[in-house]
Structure formats: structure tokens, C-alpha cells
C-alpha atoms as a PDB file:
ATOM      1  CA  MET A   1      34.585  56.214 -59.018  1.00  0.00           C
ATOM      2  CA  ALA A   2      33.966  53.190 -56.840  1.00  0.00           C
ATOM      3  CA  LYS A   3      30.815  52.670 -54.773  1.00  0.00           C
ATOM      4  CA  VAL A   4      31.639  53.014 -51.075  1.00  0.00           C
ATOM      5  CA  THR A   5      29.406  51.989 -48.191  1.00  0.00           C
ATOM      6  CA  ILE A   6      30.160  52.543 -44.516  1.00  0.00           C
ATOM      7  CA  TYR A   7      28.296  51.009 -41.594  1.00  0.00           C
ATOM      8  CA  SER A   8      28.654  53.372 -38.655  1.00  0.00           C
ATOM      9  CA  ARG A   9      27.352  54.819 -35.402  1.00  0.00           C
ATOM     10  CA  SER A  10      26.988  58.547 -34.829  1.00  0.00           C
ATOM     11  CA  TRP A  11      29.153  58.639 -31.689  1.00  0.00           C
ATOM     12  CA  CYS A  12      31.994  56.458 -33.017  1.00  0.00           C
ATOM     13  CA  SER A  13      35.336  58.279 -33.296  1.00  0.00           C
ATOM     14  CA  PHE A  14      36.755  55.615 -35.624  1.00  0.00           C
ATOM     15  CA  CYS A  15      33.754  56.120 -37.907  1.00  0.00           C
ATOM     16  CA  ALA A  16      34.446  59.859 -37.902  1.00  0.00           C
ATOM     17  CA  GLN A  17      38.090  59.230 -38.834  1.00  0.00           C
ATOM     18  CA  ALA A  18      37.114  56.944 -41.703  1.00  0.00           C
ATOM     19  CA  LYS A  19      34.529  59.415 -43.011  1.00  0.00           C
ATOM     20  CA  ALA A  20      37.052  62.263 -42.734  1.00  0.00           C
ATOM     21  CA  LEU A  21      39.553  60.357 -44.868  1.00  0.00           C
ATOM     22  CA  LEU A  22      36.900  59.626 -47.481  1.00  0.00           C
ATOM     23  CA  ALA A  23      35.837  63.288 -47.471  1.00  0.00           C
ATOM     24  CA  GLN A  24      39.473  64.369 -47.849  1.00  0.00           C
ATOM     25  CA  LYS A  25      39.624  62.206 -50.969  1.00  0.00           C
ATOM     26  CA  ASN A  26      36.305  63.644 -52.222  1.00  0.00           C
ATOM     27  CA  VAL A  27      34.706  60.209 -52.099  1.00  0.00           C
ATOM     28  CA  ASN A  28      30.925  60.017 -51.964  1.00  0.00           C
ATOM     29  CA  TYR A  29      29.681  57.177 -49.814  1.00  0.00           C
ATOM     30  CA  ASP A  30      26.476  55.620 -48.582  1.00  0.00           C
ATOM     31  CA  GLU A  31      26.315  55.645 -44.799  1.00  0.00           C
ATOM     32  CA  ILE A  32      24.256  53.153 -42.852  1.00  0.00           C
ATOM     33  CA  ASP A  33      23.884  54.204 -39.223  1.00  0.00           C
ATOM     34  CA  ILE A  34      23.178  50.950 -37.419  1.00  0.00           C
ATOM     35  CA  GLU A  35      21.622  52.845 -34.511  1.00  0.00           C
ATOM     36  CA  LEU A  36      18.940  54.266 -36.791  1.00  0.00           C
ATOM     37  CA  ALA A  37      18.509  50.979 -38.654  1.00  0.00           C
ATOM     38  CA  PRO A  38      19.268  48.159 -36.180  1.00  0.00           C
ATOM     39  CA  GLU A  39      18.318  45.471 -38.703  1.00  0.00           C
ATOM     40  CA  GLN A  40      21.254  46.654 -40.788  1.00  0.00           C
ATOM     41  CA  ARG A  41      23.599  45.634 -37.948  1.00  0.00           C
ATOM     42  CA  ASP A  42      22.593  42.002 -38.494  1.00  0.00           C
ATOM     43  CA  GLU A  43      23.240  42.426 -42.212  1.00  0.00           C
ATOM     44  CA  MET A  44      26.678  43.915 -41.492  1.00  0.00           C
ATOM     45  CA  ILE A  45      27.577  41.005 -39.206  1.00  0.00           C
ATOM     46  CA  THR A  46      26.431  38.503 -41.828  1.00  0.00           C
ATOM     47  CA  LEU A  47      28.509  40.206 -44.521  1.00  0.00           C
ATOM     48  CA  THR A  48      31.666  40.759 -42.474  1.00  0.00           C
ATOM     49  CA  GLY A  49      31.598  38.441 -39.491  1.00  0.00           C
ATOM     50  CA  ARG A  50      32.433  41.503 -37.379  1.00  0.00           C
ATOM     51  CA  THR A  51      30.384  43.399 -34.826  1.00  0.00           C
ATOM     52  CA  SER A  52      32.477  46.582 -34.619  1.00  0.00           C
ATOM     53  CA  VAL A  53      32.060  49.762 -36.621  1.00  0.00           C
ATOM     54  CA  PRO A  54      32.982  51.201 -38.940  1.00  0.00           C
ATOM     55  CA  GLN A  55      32.781  48.478 -41.536  1.00  0.00           C
ATOM     56  CA  LEU A  56      33.593  49.645 -45.033  1.00  0.00           C
ATOM     57  CA  PHE A  57      32.831  48.214 -48.439  1.00  0.00           C
ATOM     58  CA  ILE A  58      34.259  49.273 -51.768  1.00  0.00           C
ATOM     59  CA  ASN A  59      32.276  47.965 -54.731  1.00  0.00           C
ATOM     60  CA  GLN A  60      30.461  45.597 -52.362  1.00  0.00           C
ATOM     61  CA  GLN A  61      33.747  44.033 -51.207  1.00  0.00           C
ATOM     62  CA  PRO A  62      34.421  44.245 -47.467  1.00  0.00           C
ATOM     63  CA  ILE A  63      37.662  46.041 -46.683  1.00  0.00           C
ATOM     64  CA  GLY A  64      37.379  46.111 -42.885  1.00  0.00           C
ATOM     65  CA  GLY A  65      37.362  48.876 -40.342  1.00  0.00           C
ATOM     66  CA  CYS A  66      39.103  52.185 -39.793  1.00  0.00           C
ATOM     67  CA  ASP A  67      42.568  50.680 -39.238  1.00  0.00           C
ATOM     68  CA  ASP A  68      42.213  48.676 -42.444  1.00  0.00           C
ATOM     69  CA  LEU A  69      41.152  51.791 -44.356  1.00  0.00           C
ATOM     70  CA  MET A  70      44.117  53.767 -43.001  1.00  0.00           C
ATOM     71  CA  ALA A  71      46.522  50.949 -43.885  1.00  0.00           C
ATOM     72  CA  LEU A  72      45.155  50.826 -47.438  1.00  0.00           C
ATOM     73  CA  ASN A  73      45.625  54.576 -47.676  1.00  0.00           C
ATOM     74  CA  ALA A  74      49.201  54.440 -46.346  1.00  0.00           C
ATOM     75  CA  SER A  75      50.147  51.742 -48.851  1.00  0.00           C
ATOM     76  CA  GLY A  76      48.555  53.562 -51.799  1.00  0.00           C
ATOM     77  CA  GLU A  77      46.110  50.721 -52.394  1.00  0.00           C
ATOM     78  CA  LEU A  78      43.081  52.776 -51.385  1.00  0.00           C
ATOM     79  CA  ASP A  79      43.440  55.131 -54.340  1.00  0.00           C
ATOM     80  CA  LYS A  80      43.611  52.126 -56.669  1.00  0.00           C
ATOM     81  CA  LEU A  81      40.464  50.612 -55.170  1.00  0.00           C
ATOM     82  CA  LEU A  82      38.606  53.912 -55.373  1.00  0.00           C
ATOM     83  CA  ALA A  83      39.573  54.484 -58.999  1.00  0.00           C
ATOM     84  CA  VAL A  84      37.900  51.304 -60.218  1.00  0.00           C
END
């Protein structure tokens, strides 16, 4: 199974949606709450160029936010990425 990392905030509904989809697929993931670790926000911005959450990585490759994750799921590409 692929290594998944999600940068999130506890109150973010888009983060909750992304985590729910990953849970539905029985995907374990590392969560980095940028409120609890503000220095990680700077790292996220450096890696993605984006300031919004969630930001998701599969095998250290940025895949984007919640909408991007949902689009990958709808196209069937997410399962391929997770199977690597």
C-alpha cells in the first residue's frame, strides 16, 4: 500500500471529507495538523505552493486538495495510486 500524508486542520470540513474517503478505502495515513505544528505549514507551502488544506501526498508526490482527491477517486486513478 502507498504511503499517504495529509496536511490538515481539525475544523476543516474538506479535510474531514478527504479523511473519510481514505478511511472508506481502508487507507492508513499520516496526518499533520498544521495548527498543532505551525512550522509544518511552512513546509507544506514549500512543497505544494498552496496555503489551503487539506494537502495530500501519495508516496511523497503532491496530489492536491480534497477536490483533487475526489476527482482521482471518480476517475479510478486513486485506487491505482494507492496500490503502488
